[in-house]
Amino acid sequence: GVRILKKVTVALMGENHSGRVTAHAVKAAQPDRSADFTFIAEGRDNWGLGFLRSVDRVPGKRSPGSLSWGGLNNTYFWIDPKEQLYVVFMMQSPAARLPYRFLLRQMVYQALVR
C-alpha cells in the first residue's frame, strides 16, 4: 500500500478539537427515516477532525480514544487504536439501524481474544 496521510496527521485528527464542547443526544430530524441517538458517554464524548471521540472505558464498548462516525442509512465505522481494530459496517435500513450497530459492537468486542 501507499501511505496517504502521515502518522502525525492521523494522530492530530484523533485529538480533541472541540475543547469543552461535548456530544449530546440528537433528536431525529426525520423520525420516519431515523431514530433519536445518544452517544456512548452522553455529554462527555467530544470531537476530533471528522470523528466522534470516545472518552470513557465502558465494558463491551469502544476504548477511550476510539473514533467513529455513522451515516443516516446505517453506514458506520469505528477505529479503536488500543485494540488495533478497524470496523466498517454498511447496511441500508434507516429505521432499524441502531440495534444492529450496538449488536455488532458487542459481538466484535466479545470475540476479541485477550
N, C-alpha and C. Protein backbone atom coordinates (compact mmCIF):
# COMPACT_ATOMS: atom_id res chain seq x y z
N GLY A 1 0.81 -1.18 0.00
CA GLY A 1 0.00 0.00 0.00
C GLY A 1 0.86 1.26 0.00
N VAL A 2 0.24 2.35 -0.29
CA VAL A 2 0.89 3.65 -0.31
C VAL A 2 0.32 4.51 0.81
N ARG A 3 1.21 5.09 1.58
CA ARG A 3 0.76 5.98 2.65
C ARG A 3 0.20 7.26 2.04
N ILE A 4 -1.01 7.62 2.48
CA ILE A 4 -1.65 8.84 2.00
C ILE A 4 -1.52 9.96 3.03
N LEU A 5 -1.67 9.61 4.30
CA LEU A 5 -1.56 10.58 5.38
C LEU A 5 -0.38 10.23 6.28
N LYS A 6 0.31 11.23 6.76
CA LYS A 6 1.39 11.00 7.71
C LYS A 6 0.81 10.55 9.05
N LYS A 7 1.58 9.79 9.81
CA LYS A 7 1.13 9.34 11.14
C LYS A 7 0.77 10.53 12.02
N VAL A 8 1.54 11.59 11.95
CA VAL A 8 1.28 12.77 12.77
C VAL A 8 -0.06 13.42 12.38
N THR A 9 -0.41 13.36 11.10
CA THR A 9 -1.69 13.92 10.65
C THR A 9 -2.85 13.11 11.22
N VAL A 10 -2.74 11.80 11.16
CA VAL A 10 -3.80 10.93 11.70
C VAL A 10 -3.92 11.12 13.21
N ALA A 11 -2.80 11.23 13.90
CA ALA A 11 -2.84 11.46 15.35
C ALA A 11 -3.52 12.80 15.65
N LEU A 12 -3.23 13.82 14.88
CA LEU A 12 -3.85 15.13 15.07
C LEU A 12 -5.37 15.06 14.86
N MET A 13 -5.80 14.29 13.86
CA MET A 13 -7.23 14.14 13.59
C MET A 13 -7.96 13.51 14.76
N GLY A 14 -7.28 12.67 15.53
CA GLY A 14 -7.91 11.97 16.65
C GLY A 14 -7.85 12.71 17.96
N GLU A 15 -7.24 13.88 17.99
CA GLU A 15 -7.20 14.67 19.23
C GLU A 15 -8.49 15.44 19.42
N ASN A 16 -8.74 15.88 20.64
CA ASN A 16 -9.93 16.69 20.94
C ASN A 16 -9.77 18.07 20.31
N HIS A 17 -10.66 18.39 19.38
CA HIS A 17 -10.63 19.70 18.74
C HIS A 17 -11.86 20.52 19.08
N SER A 18 -12.67 20.04 20.02
CA SER A 18 -13.86 20.80 20.41
C SER A 18 -13.74 21.38 21.80
N GLY A 19 -12.58 21.21 22.43
CA GLY A 19 -12.39 21.77 23.76
C GLY A 19 -13.41 21.22 24.75
N ARG A 20 -14.14 22.11 25.39
CA ARG A 20 -15.13 21.68 26.38
C ARG A 20 -16.50 21.41 25.75
N VAL A 21 -16.61 21.58 24.45
CA VAL A 21 -17.87 21.27 23.76
C VAL A 21 -17.94 19.75 23.60
N THR A 22 -19.01 19.15 24.10
CA THR A 22 -19.14 17.70 24.08
C THR A 22 -20.35 17.25 23.25
N ALA A 23 -20.43 15.97 23.00
CA ALA A 23 -21.51 15.39 22.20
C ALA A 23 -22.70 15.05 23.09
N HIS A 24 -23.86 15.46 22.65
CA HIS A 24 -25.11 15.18 23.38
C HIS A 24 -26.08 14.46 22.46
N ALA A 25 -27.12 13.90 23.05
CA ALA A 25 -28.14 13.17 22.29
C ALA A 25 -28.67 14.03 21.15
N VAL A 26 -29.02 13.35 20.07
CA VAL A 26 -29.51 14.02 18.88
C VAL A 26 -30.95 13.54 18.62
N LYS A 27 -31.86 14.49 18.47
CA LYS A 27 -33.25 14.16 18.12
C LYS A 27 -33.31 13.95 16.61
N ALA A 28 -34.05 12.96 16.19
CA ALA A 28 -34.20 12.67 14.77
C ALA A 28 -34.90 13.82 14.06
N ALA A 29 -34.31 14.31 13.00
CA ALA A 29 -34.93 15.37 12.21
C ALA A 29 -36.05 14.81 11.34
N GLN A 30 -35.91 13.53 10.98
CA GLN A 30 -36.92 12.84 10.17
C GLN A 30 -37.23 11.50 10.85
N PRO A 31 -38.13 11.50 11.83
CA PRO A 31 -38.40 10.27 12.59
C PRO A 31 -38.84 9.08 11.74
N ASP A 32 -39.40 9.33 10.56
CA ASP A 32 -39.78 8.22 9.68
C ASP A 32 -38.56 7.57 9.03
N ARG A 33 -37.40 8.24 9.06
CA ARG A 33 -36.18 7.73 8.44
C ARG A 33 -35.10 7.38 9.44
N SER A 34 -35.24 7.86 10.67
CA SER A 34 -34.16 7.71 11.62
C SER A 34 -34.72 7.72 13.04
N ALA A 35 -33.90 7.27 13.98
CA ALA A 35 -34.28 7.28 15.39
C ALA A 35 -33.43 8.29 16.14
N ASP A 36 -33.88 8.70 17.32
CA ASP A 36 -33.06 9.54 18.18
C ASP A 36 -31.79 8.76 18.49
N PHE A 37 -30.70 9.47 18.79
CA PHE A 37 -29.42 8.81 19.03
C PHE A 37 -28.73 9.43 20.22
N THR A 38 -28.23 8.59 21.09
CA THR A 38 -27.40 9.06 22.20
C THR A 38 -26.01 8.45 22.04
N PHE A 39 -25.01 9.16 22.50
CA PHE A 39 -23.63 8.71 22.36
C PHE A 39 -23.25 7.80 23.51
N ILE A 40 -22.08 7.16 23.40
CA ILE A 40 -21.64 6.21 24.42
C ILE A 40 -21.52 6.87 25.78
N ALA A 41 -20.88 7.99 25.85
CA ALA A 41 -20.69 8.71 27.11
C ALA A 41 -21.41 10.06 26.99
N GLU A 42 -22.70 10.02 27.13
CA GLU A 42 -23.54 11.20 26.95
C GLU A 42 -22.95 12.42 27.67
N GLY A 43 -22.67 13.44 26.90
CA GLY A 43 -22.16 14.69 27.44
C GLY A 43 -20.68 14.69 27.76
N ARG A 44 -19.97 13.58 27.49
CA ARG A 44 -18.54 13.54 27.78
C ARG A 44 -17.72 13.27 26.53
N ASP A 45 -18.27 12.52 25.56
CA ASP A 45 -17.55 12.32 24.30
C ASP A 45 -17.36 13.67 23.62
N ASN A 46 -16.32 13.78 22.80
CA ASN A 46 -16.05 15.06 22.14
C ASN A 46 -15.68 14.81 20.68
N TRP A 47 -15.18 15.85 20.03
CA TRP A 47 -14.98 15.79 18.57
C TRP A 47 -13.52 15.98 18.17
N GLY A 48 -13.05 15.09 17.30
CA GLY A 48 -11.78 15.25 16.62
C GLY A 48 -12.04 15.92 15.28
N LEU A 49 -11.15 15.75 14.34
CA LEU A 49 -11.35 16.31 13.00
C LEU A 49 -12.02 15.23 12.14
N GLY A 50 -13.34 15.24 12.11
CA GLY A 50 -14.10 14.29 11.32
C GLY A 50 -14.59 13.07 12.08
N PHE A 51 -14.39 13.03 13.37
CA PHE A 51 -14.76 11.86 14.17
C PHE A 51 -15.39 12.26 15.49
N LEU A 52 -16.22 11.37 16.01
CA LEU A 52 -16.62 11.42 17.40
C LEU A 52 -15.54 10.69 18.18
N ARG A 53 -15.10 11.25 19.30
CA ARG A 53 -14.06 10.63 20.13
C ARG A 53 -14.68 10.08 21.40
N SER A 54 -14.47 8.79 21.67
CA SER A 54 -14.94 8.19 22.92
C SER A 54 -13.93 8.51 24.02
N VAL A 55 -14.44 8.88 25.19
CA VAL A 55 -13.52 9.25 26.27
C VAL A 55 -13.56 8.29 27.45
N ASP A 56 -14.64 7.53 27.62
CA ASP A 56 -14.78 6.66 28.78
C ASP A 56 -14.50 5.21 28.43
N ARG A 57 -14.09 4.45 29.42
CA ARG A 57 -13.98 2.99 29.27
C ARG A 57 -15.31 2.41 29.73
N VAL A 58 -16.07 1.89 28.81
CA VAL A 58 -17.37 1.28 29.11
C VAL A 58 -17.28 -0.18 28.69
N PRO A 59 -17.50 -1.14 29.60
CA PRO A 59 -17.39 -2.55 29.24
C PRO A 59 -18.24 -2.89 28.02
N GLY A 60 -17.66 -3.62 27.07
CA GLY A 60 -18.36 -4.04 25.87
C GLY A 60 -18.50 -2.96 24.81
N LYS A 61 -17.88 -1.81 25.05
CA LYS A 61 -17.97 -0.72 24.08
C LYS A 61 -16.56 -0.28 23.71
N ARG A 62 -16.47 0.72 22.85
CA ARG A 62 -15.17 1.16 22.35
C ARG A 62 -14.27 1.67 23.48
N SER A 63 -12.97 1.57 23.24
CA SER A 63 -11.97 2.03 24.22
C SER A 63 -11.88 3.55 24.20
N PRO A 64 -11.41 4.15 25.30
CA PRO A 64 -11.14 5.60 25.27
C PRO A 64 -10.18 5.92 24.14
N GLY A 65 -10.42 7.01 23.44
CA GLY A 65 -9.58 7.40 22.31
C GLY A 65 -10.06 6.82 20.99
N SER A 66 -11.12 6.01 21.02
CA SER A 66 -11.67 5.45 19.78
C SER A 66 -12.37 6.55 18.99
N LEU A 67 -12.42 6.36 17.68
CA LEU A 67 -13.00 7.34 16.76
C LEU A 67 -14.13 6.66 15.99
N SER A 68 -15.20 7.42 15.71
CA SER A 68 -16.30 6.81 14.97
C SER A 68 -17.12 7.86 14.24
N TRP A 69 -17.95 7.35 13.32
CA TRP A 69 -18.94 8.20 12.64
C TRP A 69 -19.94 7.29 11.97
N GLY A 70 -21.18 7.75 11.89
CA GLY A 70 -22.24 6.98 11.26
C GLY A 70 -23.05 7.84 10.32
N GLY A 71 -23.56 7.22 9.28
CA GLY A 71 -24.40 7.90 8.31
C GLY A 71 -25.87 7.58 8.53
N LEU A 72 -26.73 8.35 7.91
CA LEU A 72 -28.17 8.24 8.10
C LEU A 72 -28.71 6.86 7.78
N ASN A 73 -28.30 6.26 6.69
CA ASN A 73 -28.86 4.97 6.28
C ASN A 73 -28.03 3.78 6.76
N ASN A 74 -27.30 3.97 7.81
CA ASN A 74 -26.57 2.93 8.53
C ASN A 74 -25.22 2.58 7.97
N THR A 75 -24.54 3.49 7.32
CA THR A 75 -23.11 3.29 7.10
C THR A 75 -22.45 3.75 8.40
N TYR A 76 -21.49 3.01 8.87
CA TYR A 76 -20.94 3.26 10.20
C TYR A 76 -19.53 2.70 10.25
N PHE A 77 -18.64 3.42 10.93
CA PHE A 77 -17.31 2.86 11.15
C PHE A 77 -16.81 3.28 12.51
N TRP A 78 -15.89 2.50 13.03
CA TRP A 78 -15.16 2.94 14.21
C TRP A 78 -13.74 2.43 14.15
N ILE A 79 -12.86 3.18 14.80
CA ILE A 79 -11.44 2.86 14.88
C ILE A 79 -11.08 2.82 16.36
N ASP A 80 -10.56 1.71 16.81
CA ASP A 80 -10.17 1.55 18.20
C ASP A 80 -8.67 1.29 18.23
N PRO A 81 -7.86 2.35 18.34
CA PRO A 81 -6.39 2.16 18.30
C PRO A 81 -5.87 1.24 19.40
N LYS A 82 -6.47 1.29 20.58
CA LYS A 82 -5.99 0.46 21.69
C LYS A 82 -6.10 -1.02 21.34
N GLU A 83 -7.18 -1.40 20.69
CA GLU A 83 -7.39 -2.80 20.31
C GLU A 83 -6.86 -3.12 18.92
N GLN A 84 -6.27 -2.13 18.24
CA GLN A 84 -5.81 -2.27 16.85
C GLN A 84 -6.95 -2.83 15.98
N LEU A 85 -8.11 -2.16 16.09
CA LEU A 85 -9.34 -2.62 15.48
C LEU A 85 -9.94 -1.54 14.60
N TYR A 86 -10.33 -1.92 13.40
CA TYR A 86 -10.98 -1.02 12.45
C TYR A 86 -12.20 -1.73 11.90
N VAL A 87 -13.37 -1.14 12.04
CA VAL A 87 -14.61 -1.79 11.62
C VAL A 87 -15.39 -0.86 10.70
N VAL A 88 -15.85 -1.40 9.57
CA VAL A 88 -16.73 -0.67 8.66
C VAL A 88 -17.99 -1.52 8.53
N PHE A 89 -19.15 -0.90 8.75
CA PHE A 89 -20.43 -1.59 8.72
C PHE A 89 -21.35 -0.83 7.79
N MET A 90 -21.88 -1.51 6.79
CA MET A 90 -22.77 -0.86 5.83
C MET A 90 -24.06 -1.66 5.71
N MET A 91 -25.17 -0.98 5.95
CA MET A 91 -26.47 -1.62 5.89
C MET A 91 -27.50 -0.56 5.50
N GLN A 92 -28.36 -0.85 4.60
CA GLN A 92 -29.37 0.11 4.17
C GLN A 92 -30.68 -0.17 4.91
N SER A 93 -30.81 0.41 6.10
CA SER A 93 -32.01 0.25 6.91
C SER A 93 -32.14 1.46 7.81
N PRO A 94 -32.69 2.53 7.30
CA PRO A 94 -32.73 3.77 8.08
C PRO A 94 -33.51 3.68 9.38
N ALA A 95 -34.59 2.95 9.42
CA ALA A 95 -35.43 2.95 10.61
C ALA A 95 -34.92 2.05 11.72
N ALA A 96 -34.21 0.99 11.40
CA ALA A 96 -33.84 -0.01 12.40
C ALA A 96 -32.34 -0.13 12.59
N ARG A 97 -31.60 0.93 12.36
CA ARG A 97 -30.15 0.79 12.32
C ARG A 97 -29.48 0.68 13.67
N LEU A 98 -29.94 1.38 14.69
CA LEU A 98 -29.20 1.44 15.95
C LEU A 98 -29.08 0.09 16.66
N PRO A 99 -30.13 -0.73 16.74
CA PRO A 99 -29.93 -2.03 17.41
C PRO A 99 -28.85 -2.86 16.74
N TYR A 100 -28.72 -2.79 15.43
CA TYR A 100 -27.69 -3.56 14.74
C TYR A 100 -26.29 -3.01 15.01
N ARG A 101 -26.17 -1.70 15.11
CA ARG A 101 -24.86 -1.12 15.46
C ARG A 101 -24.42 -1.59 16.82
N PHE A 102 -25.33 -1.53 17.80
CA PHE A 102 -24.99 -1.94 19.16
C PHE A 102 -24.67 -3.43 19.22
N LEU A 103 -25.44 -4.24 18.50
CA LEU A 103 -25.20 -5.68 18.47
C LEU A 103 -23.85 -5.99 17.82
N LEU A 104 -23.55 -5.36 16.71
CA LEU A 104 -22.26 -5.57 16.04
C LEU A 104 -21.11 -5.23 16.98
N ARG A 105 -21.19 -4.07 17.62
CA ARG A 105 -20.11 -3.65 18.52
C ARG A 105 -19.95 -4.66 19.65
N GLN A 106 -21.06 -5.10 20.24
CA GLN A 106 -21.00 -6.07 21.32
C GLN A 106 -20.36 -7.37 20.85
N MET A 107 -20.76 -7.85 19.69
CA MET A 107 -20.23 -9.12 19.17
C MET A 107 -18.73 -9.00 18.85
N VAL A 108 -18.31 -7.89 18.27
CA VAL A 108 -16.89 -7.70 17.94
C VAL A 108 -16.04 -7.71 19.20
N TYR A 109 -16.44 -6.95 20.22
CA TYR A 109 -15.63 -6.89 21.44
C TYR A 109 -15.66 -8.19 22.23
N GLN A 110 -16.77 -8.92 22.18
CA GLN A 110 -16.81 -10.21 22.85
C GLN A 110 -15.90 -11.23 22.17
N ALA A 111 -15.69 -11.07 20.86
CA ALA A 111 -14.88 -12.01 20.10
C ALA A 111 -13.37 -11.78 20.25
N LEU A 112 -12.97 -10.64 20.81
CA LEU A 112 -11.53 -10.36 20.95
C LEU A 112 -10.90 -11.35 21.92
N VAL A 113 -9.77 -11.89 21.55
CA VAL A 113 -9.04 -12.84 22.40
C VAL A 113 -8.00 -12.07 23.17
N ARG A 114 -7.98 -12.23 24.42
CA ARG A 114 -7.04 -11.49 25.27
C ARG A 114 -5.91 -12.40 25.70
